[in-house]
Amino acid sequence: MAERTVTIGNEVGLHARPAALFVKAATETGLDVQVVKGDRVADARSLLSLLTLDVRQGDAIVLRAEGDGAEAALDSLAAFLGEL
């Protein structure tokens, strides 16, 4: 399983609009992508699941994916979060 740790720089964190954009990007990978914050895990393709993590600016999260192209997909998603 591939993993990337990302620190959220967006001042609103992964709230509403940024989270919806991230969910769309995660869904487009075609992989099962998870977001981990502390001991909680969310499906990155589910807006409601992602919002329950309450990811705020400065939080470190872990992105996980498995399958063909997982490394490239996580690189892309990590870069996407950095651009928000």
Protein backbone atom coordinates (compact mmCIF):
# COMPACT_ATOMS: atom_id res chain seq x y z
CA MET A 1 0.00 0.00 0.00
CA ALA A 2 1.36 3.40 -1.01
CA GLU A 3 1.23 6.29 1.46
CA ARG A 4 1.93 10.02 1.46
CA THR A 5 1.87 12.38 4.43
CA VAL A 6 0.55 15.85 3.65
CA THR A 7 0.28 18.91 5.88
CA ILE A 8 -2.76 21.02 5.04
CA GLY A 9 -1.85 24.61 4.20
CA ASN A 10 -5.27 25.87 3.11
CA GLU A 11 -6.59 28.31 5.71
CA VAL A 12 -10.03 26.65 5.74
CA GLY A 13 -8.62 23.11 5.75
CA LEU A 14 -10.65 20.48 3.92
CA HIS A 15 -13.97 22.16 4.44
CA ALA A 16 -16.87 22.13 1.94
CA ARG A 17 -15.56 23.37 -1.41
CA PRO A 18 -11.90 22.27 -1.08
CA ALA A 19 -13.07 18.88 0.19
CA ALA A 20 -15.50 18.49 -2.72
CA LEU A 21 -12.70 19.25 -5.19
CA PHE A 22 -10.44 16.72 -3.48
CA VAL A 23 -13.17 14.05 -3.53
CA LYS A 24 -13.60 14.62 -7.26
CA ALA A 25 -9.84 14.28 -7.84
CA ALA A 26 -9.66 11.13 -5.67
CA THR A 27 -12.60 9.57 -7.50
CA GLU A 28 -10.98 10.25 -10.86
CA THR A 29 -7.95 8.12 -9.89
CA GLY A 30 -10.12 5.00 -10.09
CA LEU A 31 -8.44 3.68 -6.94
CA ASP A 32 -9.62 3.13 -3.40
CA VAL A 33 -8.01 6.10 -1.66
CA GLN A 34 -8.14 6.61 2.09
CA VAL A 35 -7.41 9.69 4.18
CA VAL A 36 -6.12 9.05 7.69
CA LYS A 37 -6.11 11.63 10.48
CA GLY A 38 -4.97 10.28 13.81
CA ASP A 39 -6.76 7.00 14.37
CA ARG A 40 -9.67 7.82 12.03
CA VAL A 41 -9.87 6.69 8.41
CA ALA A 42 -12.12 8.13 5.70
CA ASP A 43 -12.88 7.12 2.13
CA ALA A 44 -11.43 9.92 0.00
CA ARG A 45 -14.21 9.38 -2.55
CA SER A 46 -16.93 10.25 -0.02
CA LEU A 47 -17.47 13.91 0.85
CA LEU A 48 -19.37 13.10 4.04
CA SER A 49 -16.70 10.63 5.16
CA LEU A 50 -13.95 13.16 4.49
CA LEU A 51 -15.74 16.00 6.29
CA THR A 52 -16.12 13.87 9.44
CA LEU A 53 -12.32 13.98 9.84
CA ASP A 54 -12.49 17.74 10.48
CA VAL A 55 -9.19 18.42 8.70
CA ARG A 56 -7.93 21.91 9.52
CA GLN A 57 -5.00 24.06 8.46
CA GLY A 58 -1.76 22.66 9.84
CA ASP A 59 -3.11 19.12 10.28
CA ALA A 60 -0.98 16.29 8.94
CA ILE A 61 -2.97 13.63 7.12
CA VAL A 62 -1.91 10.40 5.45
CA LEU A 63 -3.16 9.47 1.99
CA ARG A 64 -3.26 5.72 1.24
CA ALA A 65 -3.99 3.87 -1.97
CA GLU A 66 -3.42 0.41 -3.34
CA GLY A 67 -3.31 -0.85 -6.89
CA ASP A 68 -1.76 -0.09 -10.23
CA GLY A 69 -0.72 3.54 -10.38
CA ALA A 70 -1.13 4.15 -6.63
CA GLU A 71 2.21 5.93 -6.28
CA ALA A 72 1.48 8.33 -9.14
CA ALA A 73 -2.09 8.89 -7.95
CA LEU A 74 -0.93 9.81 -4.45
CA ASP A 75 1.75 12.13 -5.85
CA SER A 76 -0.98 13.86 -7.85
CA LEU A 77 -3.40 14.09 -4.90
CA ALA A 78 -0.67 15.38 -2.55
CA ALA A 79 0.24 18.06 -5.09
CA PHE A 80 -3.45 18.90 -5.48
CA LEU A 81 -3.77 19.45 -1.72
CA GLY A 82 -0.72 21.69 -1.82
CA GLU A 83 -2.40 23.87 -4.45
CA LEU A 84 -5.65 24.39 -2.55
